[in-house]
Structure formats: structure tokens, C-alpha cells
């Protein structure tokens, strides 16, 4: 039981995803033991989210809640880094990317980008992958869910994206 309490403490103290291997190392167990502990913690109604970069603990009631907003943007593949830097430099976190495809409907992917380092890792993966980013399927138009501590920060992010001509006005995207 103590190991699962330690997992919760580690996740509570982190503001970014914690990889299962990091938890395993810190607690002196295998990654499989961590996976089993996470399943048991979820069964106890612990709000743990699995991402491709690790585990996150959802905020519980009574804690200060983050504010989220979906923005519609459009840019080229070469402008991905600048767009994402703009968001994280203003204090936002890019939670995901979504497109509205004419055949397949809504397609989304988790990003969880909090810092320039996160952005650099993501852009490097995009550049070296044998595939194209989602925005290439929709001529550059896509959506991001952005999280921040306040509406003012989200407004500032939108202002900066608009200055760079990345932000599309309401009605220009079609995410329903």
C-alpha cells in the first residue's frame, strides 16, 4: 500500500507527465508493477491519466482548477515550432491537436506540451517521422486545447497567435 501512496505523492508533486520507467526506478520495482499499481489506484477512483509521455494526476475538487480553451489555427508545417513556442512562452500548455477531416470526422492526438523543450522534442519527432502532421490533412487548419492558469493568459495567447496570423476567427474552422 505504501508504494501506491508514494506514486500518488510523486504525481501530485509533478506538473508534467511522469514516465512509468521513472516511477519504477524511484520505487525500485519493474515498470509492470507500476502499471498494475496504476490500475489498482484507478480502481480506487484516483484520477490518473495515461499519456504517451507518462502518468498525470487530475486535479481534485478544492484545488485551483486550470482553464481550458480550444483555438482554431492555421499555418504551414514549417511554422509548427513557432506556433507552439508562442503558446508555451505565454504560459499555456498545449494539451492536444485536433482536425475535422471531411471523410473521417474528428481526429485528435494528445500532445501535452508545457515547455520549449517539450516543443523541440515534438517537432524533432515530426521532422524525423515517416509521416505528416495532422494539419497537413486539412491544408494547415487545426485546433488545440490550451490550458492556462487564467482567462487573461488565454486571451494573451490568442492575441499573440493573431499577431502572427495563425489564429482563425470564429466560424473559420468547423469543429463541432
C-alpha atoms as a PDB file:
ATOM      1  CA  UNK A   1       0.000   0.000   0.000  1.00  0.00           C
ATOM      2  CA  UNK A   2       2.813   2.430   0.804  1.00  0.00           C
ATOM      3  CA  UNK A   3       4.226   2.191  -2.746  1.00  0.00           C
ATOM      4  CA  UNK A   4       0.895   3.314  -4.237  1.00  0.00           C
ATOM      5  CA  UNK A   5       0.807   6.243  -1.805  1.00  0.00           C
ATOM      6  CA  UNK A   6       4.308   7.147  -2.988  1.00  0.00           C
ATOM      7  CA  UNK A   7       3.118   7.035  -6.600  1.00  0.00           C
ATOM      8  CA  UNK A   8       0.304   9.452  -5.755  1.00  0.00           C
ATOM      9  CA  UNK A   9       2.754  11.780  -3.938  1.00  0.00           C
ATOM     10  CA  UNK A  10       5.141  11.780  -6.914  1.00  0.00           C
ATOM     11  CA  UNK A  11       2.307  12.536  -9.343  1.00  0.00           C
ATOM     12  CA  UNK A  12       0.923  15.286  -7.086  1.00  0.00           C
ATOM     13  CA  UNK A  13       4.317  16.991  -6.964  1.00  0.00           C
ATOM     14  CA  UNK A  14       4.847  16.883 -10.721  1.00  0.00           C
ATOM     15  CA  UNK A  15       3.425  19.449 -13.114  1.00  0.00           C
ATOM     16  CA  UNK A  16       4.173  17.241 -16.114  1.00  0.00           C
ATOM     17  CA  UNK A  17       3.676  13.582 -17.056  1.00  0.00           C
ATOM     18  CA  UNK A  18       5.856  11.129 -15.104  1.00  0.00           C
ATOM     19  CA  UNK A  19       7.068   8.186 -17.217  1.00  0.00           C
ATOM     20  CA  UNK A  20       6.367   4.714 -15.819  1.00  0.00           C
ATOM     21  CA  UNK A  21      10.084   3.878 -16.016  1.00  0.00           C
ATOM     22  CA  UNK A  22      10.887   6.897 -13.819  1.00  0.00           C
ATOM     23  CA  UNK A  23       8.348   5.741 -11.238  1.00  0.00           C
ATOM     24  CA  UNK A  24       9.739   2.202 -11.379  1.00  0.00           C
ATOM     25  CA  UNK A  25      13.307   3.435 -10.841  1.00  0.00           C
ATOM     26  CA  UNK A  26      12.331   5.754  -7.996  1.00  0.00           C
ATOM     27  CA  UNK A  27      10.433   2.978  -6.220  1.00  0.00           C
ATOM     28  CA  UNK A  28      12.802   0.104  -7.007  1.00  0.00           C
ATOM     29  CA  UNK A  29      10.291  -2.046  -8.898  1.00  0.00           C
ATOM     30  CA  UNK A  30       9.622  -3.049 -12.508  1.00  0.00           C
ATOM     31  CA  UNK A  31       7.551  -0.961 -14.893  1.00  0.00           C
ATOM     32  CA  UNK A  32       4.960  -3.775 -14.936  1.00  0.00           C
ATOM     33  CA  UNK A  33       4.489  -3.390 -11.166  1.00  0.00           C
ATOM     34  CA  UNK A  34       3.853   0.339 -11.738  1.00  0.00           C
ATOM     35  CA  UNK A  35       1.269  -0.463 -14.444  1.00  0.00           C
ATOM     36  CA  UNK A  36      -0.508  -2.800 -12.005  1.00  0.00           C
ATOM     37  CA  UNK A  37      -0.358  -0.196  -9.206  1.00  0.00           C
ATOM     38  CA  UNK A  38      -1.809   2.456 -11.518  1.00  0.00           C
ATOM     39  CA  UNK A  39      -4.686   0.086 -12.384  1.00  0.00           C
ATOM     40  CA  UNK A  40      -5.363  -0.510  -8.680  1.00  0.00           C
ATOM     41  CA  UNK A  41      -5.224   3.227  -7.947  1.00  0.00           C
ATOM     42  CA  UNK A  42      -7.722   3.890 -10.733  1.00  0.00           C
ATOM     43  CA  UNK A  43      -9.981   1.211  -9.251  1.00  0.00           C
ATOM     44  CA  UNK A  44      -9.851   3.272  -6.034  1.00  0.00           C
ATOM     45  CA  UNK A  45     -11.107   6.272  -8.045  1.00  0.00           C
ATOM     46  CA  UNK A  46      -7.750   8.041  -8.214  1.00  0.00           C
ATOM     47  CA  UNK A  47      -7.808  10.362 -11.202  1.00  0.00           C
ATOM     48  CA  UNK A  48      -4.755   9.218 -13.125  1.00  0.00           C
ATOM     49  CA  UNK A  49      -4.407   9.927 -16.842  1.00  0.00           C
ATOM     50  CA  UNK A  50      -2.071   7.869 -19.025  1.00  0.00           C
ATOM     51  CA  UNK A  51      -0.367   9.788 -21.833  1.00  0.00           C
ATOM     52  CA  UNK A  52       2.317   8.791 -24.294  1.00  0.00           C
ATOM     53  CA  UNK A  53       4.794  10.681 -22.064  1.00  0.00           C
ATOM     54  CA  UNK A  54       3.760   9.288 -18.703  1.00  0.00           C
ATOM     55  CA  UNK A  55       1.147   9.483 -15.967  1.00  0.00           C
ATOM     56  CA  UNK A  56      -0.659  12.612 -14.762  1.00  0.00           C
ATOM     57  CA  UNK A  57      -2.857  13.132 -11.740  1.00  0.00           C
ATOM     58  CA  UNK A  58      -6.058  15.083 -12.392  1.00  0.00           C
ATOM     59  CA  UNK A  59      -6.764  17.985 -10.085  1.00  0.00           C
ATOM     60  CA  UNK A  60      -9.182  17.127  -7.299  1.00  0.00           C
ATOM     61  CA  UNK A  61     -12.073  19.303  -6.149  1.00  0.00           C
ATOM     62  CA  UNK A  62     -10.982  22.166  -3.935  1.00  0.00           C
ATOM     63  CA  UNK A  63      -7.697  22.731  -5.765  1.00  0.00           C
ATOM     64  CA  UNK A  64      -7.333  25.635  -8.119  1.00  0.00           C
ATOM     65  CA  UNK A  65      -8.644  24.483 -11.468  1.00  0.00           C
ATOM     66  CA  UNK A  66      -6.889  25.268 -14.729  1.00  0.00           C
ATOM     67  CA  UNK A  67      -8.844  26.927 -17.506  1.00  0.00           C
ATOM     68  CA  UNK A  68      -9.011  25.445 -20.992  1.00  0.00           C
ATOM     69  CA  UNK A  69      -9.901  26.924 -24.354  1.00  0.00           C
ATOM     70  CA  UNK A  70      -9.991  25.454 -27.857  1.00  0.00           C
ATOM     71  CA  UNK A  71      -8.400  27.648 -30.526  1.00  0.00           C
ATOM     72  CA  UNK A  72      -8.557  27.222 -34.276  1.00  0.00           C
ATOM     73  CA  UNK A  73      -5.276  27.943 -36.056  1.00  0.00           C
ATOM     74  CA  UNK A  74      -3.760  27.604 -39.495  1.00  0.00           C
ATOM     75  CA  UNK A  75      -0.123  27.546 -40.574  1.00  0.00           C
ATOM     76  CA  UNK A  76       2.430  25.603 -42.561  1.00  0.00           C
ATOM     77  CA  UNK A  77       4.436  22.608 -41.373  1.00  0.00           C
ATOM     78  CA  UNK A  78       7.485  24.896 -41.117  1.00  0.00           C
ATOM     79  CA  UNK A  79       5.645  27.162 -38.657  1.00  0.00           C
ATOM     80  CA  UNK A  80       4.725  24.426 -36.150  1.00  0.00           C
ATOM     81  CA  UNK A  81       7.592  25.236 -33.764  1.00  0.00           C
ATOM     82  CA  UNK A  82       6.853  28.987 -33.778  1.00  0.00           C
ATOM     83  CA  UNK A  83       3.132  28.422 -33.156  1.00  0.00           C
ATOM     84  CA  UNK A  84       3.776  26.077 -30.220  1.00  0.00           C
ATOM     85  CA  UNK A  85       6.534  28.313 -28.778  1.00  0.00           C
ATOM     86  CA  UNK A  86       4.063  31.199 -28.869  1.00  0.00           C
ATOM     87  CA  UNK A  87       1.621  29.256 -26.714  1.00  0.00           C
ATOM     88  CA  UNK A  88       4.078  27.918 -24.120  1.00  0.00           C
ATOM     89  CA  UNK A  89       6.007  31.213 -23.924  1.00  0.00           C
ATOM     90  CA  UNK A  90       2.792  32.961 -22.870  1.00  0.00           C
ATOM     91  CA  UNK A  91       2.207  30.407 -20.099  1.00  0.00           C
ATOM     92  CA  UNK A  92      -0.106  27.995 -21.872  1.00  0.00           C
ATOM     93  CA  UNK A  93       0.032  24.224 -22.117  1.00  0.00           C
ATOM     94  CA  UNK A  94      -0.882  22.560 -25.409  1.00  0.00           C
ATOM     95  CA  UNK A  95      -2.933  19.522 -24.441  1.00  0.00           C
ATOM     96  CA  UNK A  96      -3.846  18.186 -27.874  1.00  0.00           C
ATOM     97  CA  UNK A  97      -4.246  18.734 -31.590  1.00  0.00           C
ATOM     98  CA  UNK A  98      -7.480  18.080 -33.482  1.00  0.00           C
ATOM     99  CA  UNK A  99      -8.639  18.279 -37.068  1.00  0.00           C
ATOM    100  CA  UNK A 100     -12.021  17.911 -38.676  1.00  0.00           C
ATOM    101  CA  UNK A 101     -11.482  15.578 -41.656  1.00  0.00           C
ATOM    102  CA  UNK A 102     -14.100  15.568 -44.418  1.00  0.00           C
ATOM    103  CA  UNK A 103     -14.241  11.759 -44.516  1.00  0.00           C
ATOM    104  CA  UNK A 104     -13.119  10.519 -41.101  1.00  0.00           C
ATOM    105  CA  UNK A 105     -14.577  13.272 -38.933  1.00  0.00           C
ATOM    106  CA  UNK A 106     -12.727  14.482 -35.864  1.00  0.00           C
ATOM    107  CA  UNK A 107      -9.185  13.146 -35.453  1.00  0.00           C
ATOM    108  CA  UNK A 108      -7.153  14.106 -32.396  1.00  0.00           C
ATOM    109  CA  UNK A 109      -3.877  13.368 -30.690  1.00  0.00           C
ATOM    110  CA  UNK A 110      -2.549  14.107 -27.210  1.00  0.00           C
ATOM    111  CA  UNK A 111       0.423  16.477 -27.158  1.00  0.00           C
ATOM    112  CA  UNK A 112       0.942  17.592 -23.534  1.00  0.00           C
ATOM    113  CA  UNK A 113       3.480  20.309 -24.422  1.00  0.00           C
ATOM    114  CA  UNK A 114       4.394  22.529 -21.471  1.00  0.00           C
ATOM    115  CA  UNK A 115       7.822  23.987 -22.310  1.00  0.00           C
ATOM    116  CA  UNK A 116      10.062  24.866 -25.242  1.00  0.00           C
ATOM    117  CA  UNK A 117      11.947  21.637 -24.570  1.00  0.00           C
ATOM    118  CA  UNK A 118       8.697  19.683 -24.974  1.00  0.00           C
ATOM    119  CA  UNK A 119       8.005  21.564 -28.215  1.00  0.00           C
ATOM    120  CA  UNK A 120      11.525  20.843 -29.512  1.00  0.00           C
ATOM    121  CA  UNK A 121      11.104  17.115 -28.798  1.00  0.00           C
ATOM    122  CA  UNK A 122       7.733  17.059 -30.557  1.00  0.00           C
ATOM    123  CA  UNK A 123       8.945  18.993 -33.612  1.00  0.00           C
ATOM    124  CA  UNK A 124      12.014  16.750 -33.847  1.00  0.00           C
ATOM    125  CA  UNK A 125       9.736  13.688 -33.887  1.00  0.00           C
ATOM    126  CA  UNK A 126       7.585  15.294 -36.600  1.00  0.00           C
ATOM    127  CA  UNK A 127      10.652  16.114 -38.699  1.00  0.00           C
ATOM    128  CA  UNK A 128      12.136  12.620 -38.402  1.00  0.00           C
ATOM    129  CA  UNK A 129       8.948  10.555 -38.663  1.00  0.00           C
ATOM    130  CA  UNK A 130       7.949   8.920 -41.892  1.00  0.00           C
ATOM    131  CA  UNK A 131       4.555  10.652 -41.772  1.00  0.00           C
ATOM    132  CA  UNK A 132       2.943  14.083 -41.860  1.00  0.00           C
ATOM    133  CA  UNK A 133       1.436  16.100 -39.005  1.00  0.00           C
ATOM    134  CA  UNK A 134      -2.365  16.206 -38.745  1.00  0.00           C
ATOM    135  CA  UNK A 135      -2.600  19.796 -40.006  1.00  0.00           C
ATOM    136  CA  UNK A 136      -1.284  18.629 -43.406  1.00  0.00           C
ATOM    137  CA  UNK A 137      -4.557  16.741 -43.915  1.00  0.00           C
ATOM    138  CA  UNK A 138      -6.587  19.954 -43.660  1.00  0.00           C
ATOM    139  CA  UNK A 139      -4.398  22.448 -45.521  1.00  0.00           C
ATOM    140  CA  UNK A 140      -2.926  23.672 -42.216  1.00  0.00           C
ATOM    141  CA  UNK A 141      -6.170  24.237 -40.294  1.00  0.00           C
ATOM    142  CA  UNK A 142      -6.362  22.548 -36.895  1.00  0.00           C
ATOM    143  CA  UNK A 143      -7.397  23.049 -33.276  1.00  0.00           C
ATOM    144  CA  UNK A 144      -5.575  22.948 -29.956  1.00  0.00           C
ATOM    145  CA  UNK A 145      -6.963  22.636 -26.464  1.00  0.00           C
ATOM    146  CA  UNK A 146      -4.867  25.064 -24.445  1.00  0.00           C
ATOM    147  CA  UNK A 147      -4.708  25.089 -20.640  1.00  0.00           C
ATOM    148  CA  UNK A 148      -3.634  28.068 -18.526  1.00  0.00           C
ATOM    149  CA  UNK A 149      -3.985  29.494 -15.026  1.00  0.00           C
ATOM    150  CA  UNK A 150      -6.325  32.322 -16.095  1.00  0.00           C
ATOM    151  CA  UNK A 151      -8.564  33.686 -18.842  1.00  0.00           C
ATOM    152  CA  UNK A 152      -6.111  36.585 -19.180  1.00  0.00           C
ATOM    153  CA  UNK A 153      -3.311  34.209 -20.157  1.00  0.00           C
ATOM    154  CA  UNK A 154      -5.579  32.506 -22.693  1.00  0.00           C
ATOM    155  CA  UNK A 155      -6.520  35.936 -24.102  1.00  0.00           C
ATOM    156  CA  UNK A 156      -2.815  36.842 -24.377  1.00  0.00           C
ATOM    157  CA  UNK A 157      -2.112  33.584 -26.223  1.00  0.00           C
ATOM    158  CA  UNK A 158      -4.900  34.312 -28.693  1.00  0.00           C
ATOM    159  CA  UNK A 159      -3.608  37.871 -29.184  1.00  0.00           C
ATOM    160  CA  UNK A 160      -0.093  36.598 -29.926  1.00  0.00           C
ATOM    161  CA  UNK A 161      -1.365  33.915 -32.300  1.00  0.00           C
ATOM    162  CA  UNK A 162      -3.468  36.546 -34.069  1.00  0.00           C
ATOM    163  CA  UNK A 163      -0.454  38.889 -34.450  1.00  0.00           C
ATOM    164  CA  UNK A 164       1.360  36.059 -36.232  1.00  0.00           C
ATOM    165  CA  UNK A 165      -1.701  35.362 -38.431  1.00  0.00           C
ATOM    166  CA  UNK A 166      -2.062  31.824 -37.054  1.00  0.00           C
ATOM    167  CA  UNK A 167      -5.398  32.332 -35.285  1.00  0.00           C
ATOM    168  CA  UNK A 168      -8.572  31.820 -37.294  1.00  0.00           C
ATOM    169  CA  UNK A 169     -11.631  33.779 -36.263  1.00  0.00           C
ATOM    170  CA  UNK A 170     -14.832  32.131 -35.061  1.00  0.00           C
ATOM    171  CA  UNK A 171     -16.641  30.441 -37.911  1.00  0.00           C
ATOM    172  CA  UNK A 172     -13.490  29.909 -39.996  1.00  0.00           C
ATOM    173  CA  UNK A 173     -12.940  26.430 -38.554  1.00  0.00           C
ATOM    174  CA  UNK A 174     -15.674  23.846 -38.354  1.00  0.00           C
ATOM    175  CA  UNK A 175     -15.049  21.850 -35.173  1.00  0.00           C
ATOM    176  CA  UNK A 176     -18.483  20.956 -33.880  1.00  0.00           C
END
